[in-house]
All heavy atoms as atom14 arrays in JSON, in Angstrom:
{
  "sequence": "RWTSSPSLKFEFSVLTHRGEVVPLPAPMVFGVEGHGNRMGL",
  "atom14_mask": [
    [1, 1, 1, 1, 1, 1, 1, 1, 1, 1, 1, 0, 0, 0],
    [1, 1, 1, 1, 1, 1, 1, 1, 1, 1, 1, 1, 1, 1],
    [1, 1, 1, 1, 1, 1, 1, 0, 0, 0, 0, 0, 0, 0],
    [1, 1, 1, 1, 1, 1, 0, 0, 0, 0, 0, 0, 0, 0],
    [1, 1, 1, 1, 1, 1, 0, 0, 0, 0, 0, 0, 0, 0],
    [1, 1, 1, 1, 1, 1, 1, 0, 0, 0, 0, 0, 0, 0],
    [1, 1, 1, 1, 1, 1, 0, 0, 0, 0, 0, 0, 0, 0],
    [1, 1, 1, 1, 1, 1, 1, 1, 0, 0, 0, 0, 0, 0],
    [1, 1, 1, 1, 1, 1, 1, 1, 1, 0, 0, 0, 0, 0],
    [1, 1, 1, 1, 1, 1, 1, 1, 1, 1, 1, 0, 0, 0],
    [1, 1, 1, 1, 1, 1, 1, 1, 1, 0, 0, 0, 0, 0],
    [1, 1, 1, 1, 1, 1, 1, 1, 1, 1, 1, 0, 0, 0],
    [1, 1, 1, 1, 1, 1, 0, 0, 0, 0, 0, 0, 0, 0],
    [1, 1, 1, 1, 1, 1, 1, 0, 0, 0, 0, 0, 0, 0],
    [1, 1, 1, 1, 1, 1, 1, 1, 0, 0, 0, 0, 0, 0],
    [1, 1, 1, 1, 1, 1, 1, 0, 0, 0, 0, 0, 0, 0],
    [1, 1, 1, 1, 1, 1, 1, 1, 1, 1, 0, 0, 0, 0],
    [1, 1, 1, 1, 1, 1, 1, 1, 1, 1, 1, 0, 0, 0],
    [1, 1, 1, 1, 0, 0, 0, 0, 0, 0, 0, 0, 0, 0],
    [1, 1, 1, 1, 1, 1, 1, 1, 1, 0, 0, 0, 0, 0],
    [1, 1, 1, 1, 1, 1, 1, 0, 0, 0, 0, 0, 0, 0],
    [1, 1, 1, 1, 1, 1, 1, 0, 0, 0, 0, 0, 0, 0],
    [1, 1, 1, 1, 1, 1, 1, 0, 0, 0, 0, 0, 0, 0],
    [1, 1, 1, 1, 1, 1, 1, 1, 0, 0, 0, 0, 0, 0],
    [1, 1, 1, 1, 1, 1, 1, 0, 0, 0, 0, 0, 0, 0],
    [1, 1, 1, 1, 1, 0, 0, 0, 0, 0, 0, 0, 0, 0],
    [1, 1, 1, 1, 1, 1, 1, 0, 0, 0, 0, 0, 0, 0],
    [1, 1, 1, 1, 1, 1, 1, 1, 0, 0, 0, 0, 0, 0],
    [1, 1, 1, 1, 1, 1, 1, 0, 0, 0, 0, 0, 0, 0],
    [1, 1, 1, 1, 1, 1, 1, 1, 1, 1, 1, 0, 0, 0],
    [1, 1, 1, 1, 0, 0, 0, 0, 0, 0, 0, 0, 0, 0],
    [1, 1, 1, 1, 1, 1, 1, 0, 0, 0, 0, 0, 0, 0],
    [1, 1, 1, 1, 1, 1, 1, 1, 1, 0, 0, 0, 0, 0],
    [1, 1, 1, 1, 0, 0, 0, 0, 0, 0, 0, 0, 0, 0],
    [1, 1, 1, 1, 1, 1, 1, 1, 1, 1, 0, 0, 0, 0],
    [1, 1, 1, 1, 0, 0, 0, 0, 0, 0, 0, 0, 0, 0],
    [1, 1, 1, 1, 1, 1, 1, 1, 0, 0, 0, 0, 0, 0],
    [1, 1, 1, 1, 1, 1, 1, 1, 1, 1, 1, 0, 0, 0],
    [1, 1, 1, 1, 1, 1, 1, 1, 0, 0, 0, 0, 0, 0],
    [1, 1, 1, 1, 0, 0, 0, 0, 0, 0, 0, 0, 0, 0],
    [1, 1, 1, 1, 1, 1, 1, 1, 0, 0, 0, 0, 0, 0]
  ],
  "atom14_positions": [
    [[7.49, -1.47, -2.58], [8.01, -1.86, -1.26], [6.97, -1.54, -0.2], [6.23, -0.56, -0.33], [9.3, -1.1, -0.93], [10.37, -1.15, -1.99], [11.21, -2.38, -2.02], [11.88, -2.62, -0.76], [12.36, -3.8, -0.4], [12.25, -4.83, -1.2], [12.97, -3.96, 0.75], [0.0, 0.0, 0.0], [0.0, 0.0, 0.0], [0.0, 0.0, 0.0]],
    [[6.94, -2.36, 0.85], [6.06, -2.09, 1.98], [6.87, -2.09, 3.27], [7.91, -2.72, 3.36], [4.93, -3.13, 2.06], [5.37, -4.54, 2.36], [5.76, -5.49, 1.44], [5.49, -5.16, 3.64], [6.1, -6.64, 2.08], [5.96, -6.49, 3.43], [5.26, -4.73, 4.94], [6.18, -7.36, 4.47], [5.49, -5.62, 5.97], [5.94, -6.92, 5.74]],
    [[6.38, -1.32, 4.24], [6.94, -1.32, 5.59], [5.76, -1.37, 6.56], [4.64, -1.01, 6.21], [7.8, -0.07, 5.88], [7.02, 1.09, 5.64], [9.04, -0.04, 5.0], [0.0, 0.0, 0.0], [0.0, 0.0, 0.0], [0.0, 0.0, 0.0], [0.0, 0.0, 0.0], [0.0, 0.0, 0.0], [0.0, 0.0, 0.0], [0.0, 0.0, 0.0]],
    [[6.05, -1.81, 7.79], [4.94, -2.02, 8.72], [5.19, -1.52, 10.13], [4.74, -2.12, 11.09], [4.6, -3.51, 8.77], [5.68, -4.24, 9.31], [0.0, 0.0, 0.0], [0.0, 0.0, 0.0], [0.0, 0.0, 0.0], [0.0, 0.0, 0.0], [0.0, 0.0, 0.0], [0.0, 0.0, 0.0], [0.0, 0.0, 0.0], [0.0, 0.0, 0.0]],
    [[5.89, -0.43, 10.27], [6.1, 0.06, 11.62], [6.06, 1.58, 11.64], [6.87, 2.2, 10.96], [7.44, -0.43, 12.15], [7.64, -0.04, 13.47], [0.0, 0.0, 0.0], [0.0, 0.0, 0.0], [0.0, 0.0, 0.0], [0.0, 0.0, 0.0], [0.0, 0.0, 0.0], [0.0, 0.0, 0.0], [0.0, 0.0, 0.0], [0.0, 0.0, 0.0]],
    [[5.16, 2.19, 12.35], [4.09, 1.6, 13.16], [2.82, 1.35, 12.36], [1.88, 0.74, 12.85], [3.83, 2.65, 14.23], [4.09, 3.94, 13.53], [5.21, 3.64, 12.54], [0.0, 0.0, 0.0], [0.0, 0.0, 0.0], [0.0, 0.0, 0.0], [0.0, 0.0, 0.0], [0.0, 0.0, 0.0], [0.0, 0.0, 0.0], [0.0, 0.0, 0.0]],
    [[2.73, 1.83, 11.11], [1.56, 1.6, 10.27], [2.02, 0.88, 9.0], [3.21, 0.7, 8.79], [0.89, 2.93, 9.95], [1.84, 3.83, 9.41], [0.0, 0.0, 0.0], [0.0, 0.0, 0.0], [0.0, 0.0, 0.0], [0.0, 0.0, 0.0], [0.0, 0.0, 0.0], [0.0, 0.0, 0.0], [0.0, 0.0, 0.0], [0.0, 0.0, 0.0]],
    [[1.07, 0.46, 8.18], [1.41, -0.25, 6.95], [1.51, 0.76, 5.81], [0.57, 1.5, 5.52], [0.34, -1.29, 6.65], [0.61, -2.25, 5.5], [1.92, -3.0, 5.69], [-0.54, -3.24, 5.37], [0.0, 0.0, 0.0], [0.0, 0.0, 0.0], [0.0, 0.0, 0.0], [0.0, 0.0, 0.0], [0.0, 0.0, 0.0], [0.0, 0.0, 0.0]],
    [[2.7, 0.83, 5.19], [2.95, 1.8, 4.13], [3.32, 1.08, 2.84], [4.14, 0.16, 2.85], [4.08, 2.74, 4.54], [4.43, 3.77, 3.47], [5.35, 4.85, 4.01], [6.78, 4.5, 3.83], [7.7, 5.61, 4.15], [0.0, 0.0, 0.0], [0.0, 0.0, 0.0], [0.0, 0.0, 0.0], [0.0, 0.0, 0.0], [0.0, 0.0, 0.0]],
    [[2.69, 1.51, 1.75], [2.99, 0.98, 0.41], [3.61, 2.1, -0.42], [3.02, 3.18, -0.55], [1.71, 0.51, -0.29], [1.05, -0.67, 0.37], [0.02, -0.48, 1.27], [1.46, -1.95, 0.08], [-0.6, -1.55, 1.88], [0.86, -3.03, 0.69], [-0.17, -2.84, 1.59], [0.0, 0.0, 0.0], [0.0, 0.0, 0.0], [0.0, 0.0, 0.0]],
    [[4.79, 1.82, -0.99], [5.43, 2.75, -1.93], [5.56, 2.04, -3.26], [6.31, 1.06, -3.38], [6.8, 3.17, -1.43], [6.74, 4.12, -0.26], [8.1, 4.73, 0.04], [8.59, 5.53, -0.78], [8.64, 4.4, 1.1], [0.0, 0.0, 0.0], [0.0, 0.0, 0.0], [0.0, 0.0, 0.0], [0.0, 0.0, 0.0], [0.0, 0.0, 0.0]],
    [[4.81, 2.51, -4.25], [4.83, 1.88, -5.57], [6.08, 2.28, -6.34], [6.48, 3.44, -6.34], [3.6, 2.3, -6.37], [2.33, 1.61, -5.96], [1.52, 2.16, -4.97], [1.95, 0.42, -6.54], [0.36, 1.52, -4.58], [0.79, -0.22, -6.17], [-0.01, 0.34, -5.18], [0.0, 0.0, 0.0], [0.0, 0.0, 0.0], [0.0, 0.0, 0.0]],
    [[6.68, 1.31, -7.03], [7.77, 1.6, -7.96], [7.27, 1.54, -9.4], [7.9, 2.08, -10.31], [8.93, 0.63, -7.77], [8.49, -0.7, -7.92], [0.0, 0.0, 0.0], [0.0, 0.0, 0.0], [0.0, 0.0, 0.0], [0.0, 0.0, 0.0], [0.0, 0.0, 0.0], [0.0, 0.0, 0.0], [0.0, 0.0, 0.0], [0.0, 0.0, 0.0]],
    [[6.12, 0.9, -9.61], [5.45, 0.86, -10.9], [3.96, 0.67, -10.64], [3.57, -0.04, -9.71], [6.01, -0.26, -11.82], [5.75, -1.64, -11.24], [5.46, -0.15, -13.23], [0.0, 0.0, 0.0], [0.0, 0.0, 0.0], [0.0, 0.0, 0.0], [0.0, 0.0, 0.0], [0.0, 0.0, 0.0], [0.0, 0.0, 0.0], [0.0, 0.0, 0.0]],
    [[3.14, 1.32, -11.48], [1.69, 1.17, -11.36], [1.1, 1.35, -12.75], [1.45, 2.29, -13.47], [1.12, 2.21, -10.4], [-0.38, 2.14, -10.13], [-0.76, 0.81, -9.47], [-0.81, 3.31, -9.24], [0.0, 0.0, 0.0], [0.0, 0.0, 0.0], [0.0, 0.0, 0.0], [0.0, 0.0, 0.0], [0.0, 0.0, 0.0], [0.0, 0.0, 0.0]],
    [[0.22, 0.42, -13.14], [-0.46, 0.53, -14.42], [-1.97, 0.5, -14.19], [-2.47, -0.11, -13.25], [-0.08, -0.61, -15.39], [-0.54, -1.86, -14.86], [1.42, -0.67, -15.62], [0.0, 0.0, 0.0], [0.0, 0.0, 0.0], [0.0, 0.0, 0.0], [0.0, 0.0, 0.0], [0.0, 0.0, 0.0], [0.0, 0.0, 0.0], [0.0, 0.0, 0.0]],
    [[-2.67, 1.19, -15.07], [-4.13, 1.19, -15.09], [-4.56, 0.85, -16.51], [-4.16, 1.54, -17.45], [-4.67, 2.56, -14.67], [-6.15, 2.62, -14.6], [-6.89, 3.41, -15.46], [-7.04, 1.99, -13.79], [-8.17, 3.26, -15.17], [-8.28, 2.41, -14.17], [0.0, 0.0, 0.0], [0.0, 0.0, 0.0], [0.0, 0.0, 0.0], [0.0, 0.0, 0.0]],
    [[-5.27, -0.27, -16.65], [-5.68, -0.77, -17.97], [-4.48, -0.93, -18.9], [-4.55, -0.6, -20.09], [-6.73, 0.12, -18.59], [-8.01, 0.14, -17.8], [-9.14, 0.82, -18.53], [-10.37, 0.53, -17.82], [-11.21, 1.46, -17.4], [-10.96, 2.74, -17.63], [-12.3, 1.12, -16.76], [0.0, 0.0, 0.0], [0.0, 0.0, 0.0], [0.0, 0.0, 0.0]],
    [[-3.37, -1.39, -18.34], [-2.18, -1.67, -19.14], [-1.28, -0.49, -19.42], [-0.22, -0.65, -20.02], [0.0, 0.0, 0.0], [0.0, 0.0, 0.0], [0.0, 0.0, 0.0], [0.0, 0.0, 0.0], [0.0, 0.0, 0.0], [0.0, 0.0, 0.0], [0.0, 0.0, 0.0], [0.0, 0.0, 0.0], [0.0, 0.0, 0.0], [0.0, 0.0, 0.0]],
    [[-1.69, 0.7, -19.02], [-0.89, 1.91, -19.26], [-0.2, 2.33, -17.97], [-0.82, 2.4, -16.92], [-1.79, 3.06, -19.74], [-2.52, 2.78, -21.04], [-1.58, 2.74, -22.24], [-0.59, 3.5, -22.25], [-1.85, 1.93, -23.14], [0.0, 0.0, 0.0], [0.0, 0.0, 0.0], [0.0, 0.0, 0.0], [0.0, 0.0, 0.0], [0.0, 0.0, 0.0]],
    [[1.1, 2.64, -18.07], [1.84, 3.12, -16.9], [1.27, 4.48, -16.5], [1.03, 5.34, -17.36], [3.34, 3.23, -17.22], [4.11, 3.85, -16.06], [3.91, 1.85, -17.55], [0.0, 0.0, 0.0], [0.0, 0.0, 0.0], [0.0, 0.0, 0.0], [0.0, 0.0, 0.0], [0.0, 0.0, 0.0], [0.0, 0.0, 0.0], [0.0, 0.0, 0.0]],
    [[1.03, 4.65, -15.2], [0.48, 5.9, -14.68], [1.48, 6.52, -13.71], [2.36, 5.83, -13.19], [-0.89, 5.68, -13.99], [-1.92, 5.18, -15.0], [-0.78, 4.74, -12.82], [0.0, 0.0, 0.0], [0.0, 0.0, 0.0], [0.0, 0.0, 0.0], [0.0, 0.0, 0.0], [0.0, 0.0, 0.0], [0.0, 0.0, 0.0], [0.0, 0.0, 0.0]],
    [[1.36, 7.82, -13.45], [2.25, 8.45, -12.46], [2.11, 7.76, -11.1], [1.01, 7.35, -10.7], [1.75, 9.89, -12.4], [1.06, 10.13, -13.71], [0.46, 8.8, -14.07], [0.0, 0.0, 0.0], [0.0, 0.0, 0.0], [0.0, 0.0, 0.0], [0.0, 0.0, 0.0], [0.0, 0.0, 0.0], [0.0, 0.0, 0.0], [0.0, 0.0, 0.0]],
    [[3.21, 7.64, -10.41], [3.2, 6.97, -9.11], [2.5, 7.83, -8.07], [2.75, 9.03, -7.98], [4.62, 6.66, -8.66], [5.42, 5.73, -9.57], [6.83, 5.57, -9.04], [4.73, 4.39, -9.71], [0.0, 0.0, 0.0], [0.0, 0.0, 0.0], [0.0, 0.0, 0.0], [0.0, 0.0, 0.0], [0.0, 0.0, 0.0], [0.0, 0.0, 0.0]],
    [[1.63, 7.2, -7.28], [0.99, 7.95, -6.19], [1.99, 8.19, -5.06], [3.03, 7.53, -4.97], [-0.13, 7.02, -5.74], [0.37, 5.65, -6.06], [1.19, 5.81, -7.31], [0.0, 0.0, 0.0], [0.0, 0.0, 0.0], [0.0, 0.0, 0.0], [0.0, 0.0, 0.0], [0.0, 0.0, 0.0], [0.0, 0.0, 0.0], [0.0, 0.0, 0.0]],
    [[1.66, 9.12, -4.19], [2.44, 9.31, -2.97], [2.37, 8.02, -2.17], [1.44, 7.22, -2.35], [1.87, 10.47, -2.16], [0.0, 0.0, 0.0], [0.0, 0.0, 0.0], [0.0, 0.0, 0.0], [0.0, 0.0, 0.0], [0.0, 0.0, 0.0], [0.0, 0.0, 0.0], [0.0, 0.0, 0.0], [0.0, 0.0, 0.0], [0.0, 0.0, 0.0]],
    [[3.35, 7.76, -1.29], [3.26, 6.57, -0.44], [1.9, 6.51, 0.26], [1.37, 7.54, 0.7], [4.4, 6.76, 0.56], [5.39, 7.61, -0.17], [4.56, 8.55, -1.01], [0.0, 0.0, 0.0], [0.0, 0.0, 0.0], [0.0, 0.0, 0.0], [0.0, 0.0, 0.0], [0.0, 0.0, 0.0], [0.0, 0.0, 0.0], [0.0, 0.0, 0.0]],
    [[1.32, 5.33, 0.3], [0.01, 5.12, 0.92], [0.22, 4.51, 2.3], [0.84, 3.45, 2.42], [-0.83, 4.2, 0.06], [-1.13, 4.78, -1.3], [-2.09, 3.62, -2.28], [-2.37, 4.59, -3.74], [0.0, 0.0, 0.0], [0.0, 0.0, 0.0], [0.0, 0.0, 0.0], [0.0, 0.0, 0.0], [0.0, 0.0, 0.0], [0.0, 0.0, 0.0]],
    [[-0.29, 5.19, 3.32], [-0.09, 4.78, 4.7], [-1.44, 4.45, 5.33], [-2.38, 5.24, 5.22], [0.62, 5.88, 5.51], [0.85, 5.45, 6.95], [1.95, 6.27, 4.84], [0.0, 0.0, 0.0], [0.0, 0.0, 0.0], [0.0, 0.0, 0.0], [0.0, 0.0, 0.0], [0.0, 0.0, 0.0], [0.0, 0.0, 0.0], [0.0, 0.0, 0.0]],
    [[-1.51, 3.29, 5.99], [-2.76, 2.82, 6.59], [-2.55, 2.41, 8.04], [-1.53, 1.79, 8.36], [-3.29, 1.59, 5.83], [-3.52, 1.84, 4.38], [-2.57, 1.51, 3.44], [-4.71, 2.41, 3.95], [-2.78, 1.74, 2.09], [-4.93, 2.64, 2.6], [-3.96, 2.31, 1.67], [0.0, 0.0, 0.0], [0.0, 0.0, 0.0], [0.0, 0.0, 0.0]],
    [[-3.53, 2.7, 8.86], [-3.61, 2.06, 10.16], [-4.11, 0.64, 9.95], [-4.77, 0.35, 8.94], [0.0, 0.0, 0.0], [0.0, 0.0, 0.0], [0.0, 0.0, 0.0], [0.0, 0.0, 0.0], [0.0, 0.0, 0.0], [0.0, 0.0, 0.0], [0.0, 0.0, 0.0], [0.0, 0.0, 0.0], [0.0, 0.0, 0.0], [0.0, 0.0, 0.0]],
    [[-3.79, -0.25, 10.85], [-4.18, -1.65, 10.7], [-5.06, -2.06, 11.86], [-4.75, -1.79, 13.02], [-2.94, -2.56, 10.61], [-3.35, -4.02, 10.55], [-2.11, -2.2, 9.39], [0.0, 0.0, 0.0], [0.0, 0.0, 0.0], [0.0, 0.0, 0.0], [0.0, 0.0, 0.0], [0.0, 0.0, 0.0], [0.0, 0.0, 0.0], [0.0, 0.0, 0.0]],
    [[-6.19, -2.68, 11.52], [-7.11, -3.22, 12.5], [-7.17, -4.73, 12.33], [-6.86, -5.25, 11.27], [-8.51, -2.64, 12.3], [-8.57, -1.13, 12.37], [-9.96, -0.62, 12.02], [-10.95, -1.32, 12.29], [-10.03, 0.49, 11.48], [0.0, 0.0, 0.0], [0.0, 0.0, 0.0], [0.0, 0.0, 0.0], [0.0, 0.0, 0.0], [0.0, 0.0, 0.0]],
    [[-7.63, -5.41, 13.37], [-7.78, -6.85, 13.29], [-6.49, -7.58, 13.58], [-5.5, -6.98, 14.01], [0.0, 0.0, 0.0], [0.0, 0.0, 0.0], [0.0, 0.0, 0.0], [0.0, 0.0, 0.0], [0.0, 0.0, 0.0], [0.0, 0.0, 0.0], [0.0, 0.0, 0.0], [0.0, 0.0, 0.0], [0.0, 0.0, 0.0], [0.0, 0.0, 0.0]],
    [[-6.5, -8.87, 13.34], [-5.32, -9.7, 13.58], [-5.5, -11.02, 12.84], [-6.56, -11.3, 12.29], [-5.13, -9.92, 15.08], [-6.27, -10.62, 15.73], [-7.41, -9.95, 16.12], [-6.47, -11.92, 16.03], [-8.25, -10.81, 16.65], [-7.72, -12.02, 16.6], [0.0, 0.0, 0.0], [0.0, 0.0, 0.0], [0.0, 0.0, 0.0], [0.0, 0.0, 0.0]],
    [[-4.45, -11.8, 12.84], [-4.53, -13.12, 12.2], [-4.69, -13.01, 10.71], [-3.93, -12.32, 10.04], [0.0, 0.0, 0.0], [0.0, 0.0, 0.0], [0.0, 0.0, 0.0], [0.0, 0.0, 0.0], [0.0, 0.0, 0.0], [0.0, 0.0, 0.0], [0.0, 0.0, 0.0], [0.0, 0.0, 0.0], [0.0, 0.0, 0.0], [0.0, 0.0, 0.0]],
    [[-5.73, -13.64, 10.18], [-5.93, -13.72, 8.74], [-6.97, -12.73, 8.22], [-7.43, -12.85, 7.1], [-6.31, -15.14, 8.34], [-5.18, -16.1, 8.66], [-4.02, -15.78, 8.42], [-5.5, -17.24, 9.21], [0.0, 0.0, 0.0], [0.0, 0.0, 0.0], [0.0, 0.0, 0.0], [0.0, 0.0, 0.0], [0.0, 0.0, 0.0], [0.0, 0.0, 0.0]],
    [[-7.32, -11.76, 9.04], [-8.24, -10.69, 8.64], [-7.62, -9.36, 9.07], [-7.27, -9.17, 10.23], [-9.59, -10.89, 9.31], [-10.63, -9.91, 8.87], [-12.03, -10.44, 9.26], [-13.03, -9.39, 9.3], [-13.6, -8.84, 8.25], [-13.26, -9.25, 7.05], [-14.5, -7.89, 8.38], [0.0, 0.0, 0.0], [0.0, 0.0, 0.0], [0.0, 0.0, 0.0]],
    [[-7.46, -8.45, 8.1], [-6.77, -7.2, 8.37], [-7.55, -6.05, 7.75], [-7.87, -6.07, 6.56], [-5.36, -7.27, 7.77], [-4.55, -6.01, 7.89], [-2.8, -6.2, 7.45], [-2.85, -6.72, 5.73], [0.0, 0.0, 0.0], [0.0, 0.0, 0.0], [0.0, 0.0, 0.0], [0.0, 0.0, 0.0], [0.0, 0.0, 0.0], [0.0, 0.0, 0.0]],
    [[-7.84, -5.04, 8.56], [-8.47, -3.82, 8.06], [-7.43, -2.75, 7.84], [-6.59, -2.49, 8.71], [0.0, 0.0, 0.0], [0.0, 0.0, 0.0], [0.0, 0.0, 0.0], [0.0, 0.0, 0.0], [0.0, 0.0, 0.0], [0.0, 0.0, 0.0], [0.0, 0.0, 0.0], [0.0, 0.0, 0.0], [0.0, 0.0, 0.0], [0.0, 0.0, 0.0]],
    [[-7.45, -2.14, 6.66], [-6.56, -1.03, 6.34], [-7.37, 0.24, 6.41], [-8.29, 0.46, 5.62], [-5.99, -1.2, 4.92], [-5.25, -2.5, 4.63], [-4.81, -2.52, 3.18], [-4.06, -2.66, 5.55], [0.0, 0.0, 0.0], [0.0, 0.0, 0.0], [0.0, 0.0, 0.0], [0.0, 0.0, 0.0], [0.0, 0.0, 0.0], [0.0, 0.0, 0.0]]
  ]
}
């Protein structure tokens, strides 16, 4: 799931690396730069 107020946050419910399920990371929160079709995290 993602949310976008006031920053962009990603919370993984599943994550695999090379086909193997890995422990879920903490929610990842980013400031956002740019606008339109170009976005800096």
